[in-house]
Amino acid sequence: MAVDVEKLSLLLEVQATQFSNALKKQNSQAFRLFKQLEDRASAMEKSVGGSLSALGKRVAGVFAGVAVGSALNDIRRYADTYTGILNQLKTAGVIRNIEFAAWTTGSGL
């Protein structure tokens, strides 16, 4: 009976060691898999972030172009309005009177 207990004890110790080794191996493999998953997720995040950044720059460029176009359009409209007002004043003879007054006093317009 003492021999059986010693055999069982030895068998239990061997199985516990085997279990511990198998657990370490599985833990190492799980760590590797999680590390690969983390690396892939990080790479995807950088890729998506880069794509969104590029898209944001393009959209900002489009809006900047629209803003510049709008500003130029406003300047053109103001110039057209100014020209229209001057033409109306010339038609009414007001500009000639102002030019004459500036000429006679020696001051500029």
Protein backbone atom coordinates (compact mmCIF):
# COMPACT_ATOMS: atom_id res chain seq x y z
CA MET A 1 0.00 0.00 0.00
CA ALA A 2 2.87 2.40 0.71
CA VAL A 3 4.20 1.69 -2.76
CA ASP A 4 0.83 2.50 -4.30
CA VAL A 5 0.67 5.81 -2.42
CA GLU A 6 4.20 6.67 -3.56
CA LYS A 7 3.32 5.76 -7.16
CA LEU A 8 0.15 7.87 -7.00
CA SER A 9 2.07 10.75 -5.44
CA LEU A 10 4.75 10.56 -8.12
CA LEU A 11 2.10 10.29 -10.85
CA LEU A 12 0.24 13.28 -9.41
CA GLU A 13 3.46 15.31 -9.28
CA VAL A 14 4.33 14.41 -12.90
CA GLN A 15 0.84 15.28 -14.10
CA ALA A 16 0.92 18.58 -12.18
CA THR A 17 4.25 19.43 -13.83
CA GLN A 18 2.90 18.47 -17.26
CA PHE A 19 -0.22 20.56 -16.61
CA SER A 20 1.91 23.52 -15.50
CA ASN A 21 4.10 23.23 -18.61
CA ALA A 22 1.05 22.96 -20.90
CA LEU A 23 -0.49 26.00 -19.19
CA LYS A 24 2.73 28.01 -19.69
CA LYS A 25 2.80 26.97 -23.35
CA GLN A 26 -0.84 28.01 -23.87
CA ASN A 27 -0.24 31.28 -22.04
CA SER A 28 2.75 32.03 -24.27
CA GLN A 29 0.76 31.19 -27.41
CA ALA A 30 -2.17 33.35 -26.27
CA PHE A 31 0.23 36.23 -25.56
CA ARG A 32 1.69 35.94 -29.08
CA LEU A 33 -1.77 35.87 -30.65
CA PHE A 34 -2.94 38.88 -28.64
CA LYS A 35 0.27 40.74 -29.54
CA GLN A 36 -0.31 40.02 -33.26
CA LEU A 37 -3.92 41.17 -32.92
CA GLU A 38 -2.83 44.33 -31.14
CA ASP A 39 -0.20 45.05 -33.81
CA ARG A 40 -2.75 44.55 -36.60
CA ALA A 41 -5.29 46.78 -34.84
CA SER A 42 -2.62 49.46 -34.35
CA ALA A 43 -1.64 49.28 -38.03
CA MET A 44 -5.30 49.53 -39.07
CA GLU A 45 -5.80 52.49 -36.75
CA LYS A 46 -2.82 54.29 -38.31
CA SER A 47 -4.08 53.48 -41.79
CA VAL A 48 -7.60 54.71 -41.06
CA GLY A 49 -6.23 57.76 -39.25
CA GLY A 50 -4.02 58.58 -42.22
CA SER A 51 -6.92 58.16 -44.60
CA LEU A 52 -9.17 60.39 -42.51
CA SER A 53 -6.40 62.97 -42.20
CA ALA A 54 -5.91 63.00 -45.98
CA LEU A 55 -9.66 63.24 -46.49
CA GLY A 56 -9.83 66.11 -44.00
CA LYS A 57 -7.08 67.96 -45.86
CA ARG A 58 -8.88 67.46 -49.16
CA VAL A 59 -12.17 68.68 -47.70
CA ALA A 60 -10.39 71.66 -46.12
CA GLY A 61 -8.80 72.39 -49.50
CA VAL A 62 -12.18 72.29 -51.19
CA PHE A 63 -13.70 74.59 -48.58
CA ALA A 64 -10.70 76.94 -48.86
CA GLY A 65 -11.17 77.00 -52.62
CA VAL A 66 -14.86 77.72 -52.20
CA ALA A 67 -14.09 80.47 -49.68
CA VAL A 68 -11.53 82.09 -52.00
CA GLY A 69 -13.94 81.79 -54.92
CA SER A 70 -16.69 83.35 -52.84
CA ALA A 71 -14.40 86.19 -51.72
CA LEU A 72 -13.34 86.86 -55.30
CA ASN A 73 -16.96 86.81 -56.39
CA ASP A 74 -17.78 89.35 -53.65
CA ILE A 75 -14.89 91.57 -54.78
CA ARG A 76 -16.11 91.36 -58.38
CA ARG A 77 -19.64 92.30 -57.31
CA TYR A 78 -18.35 95.28 -55.29
CA ALA A 79 -16.24 96.43 -58.24
CA ASP A 80 -19.25 96.10 -60.56
CA THR A 81 -21.39 98.06 -58.10
CA TYR A 82 -18.72 100.76 -57.79
CA THR A 83 -18.41 101.00 -61.57
CA GLY A 84 -22.18 101.18 -61.88
CA ILE A 85 -22.39 104.00 -59.34
CA LEU A 86 -19.62 105.94 -61.09
CA ASN A 87 -21.37 105.51 -64.44
CA GLN A 88 -24.63 106.75 -62.98
CA LEU A 89 -22.88 109.75 -61.45
CA LYS A 90 -21.18 110.49 -64.77
CA THR A 91 -24.51 110.28 -66.54
CA ALA A 92 -25.99 112.72 -64.05
CA GLY A 93 -23.04 115.11 -64.52
CA VAL A 94 -22.03 114.92 -60.90
CA ILE A 95 -18.56 113.52 -61.57
CA ARG A 96 -17.71 116.35 -63.99
CA ASN A 97 -18.66 118.89 -61.34
CA ILE A 98 -16.54 117.10 -58.70
CA GLU A 99 -13.61 116.76 -61.08
CA PHE A 100 -13.90 120.45 -61.98
CA ALA A 101 -14.01 121.44 -58.31
CA ALA A 102 -10.96 119.25 -57.58
CA TRP A 103 -9.11 120.73 -60.55
CA THR A 104 -9.88 124.33 -59.62
CA THR A 105 -8.87 123.83 -55.98
CA GLY A 106 -5.76 121.82 -56.86
CA SER A 107 -6.81 118.80 -54.80
CA GLY A 108 -7.18 115.27 -56.03
CA LEU A 109 -10.25 113.10 -56.11
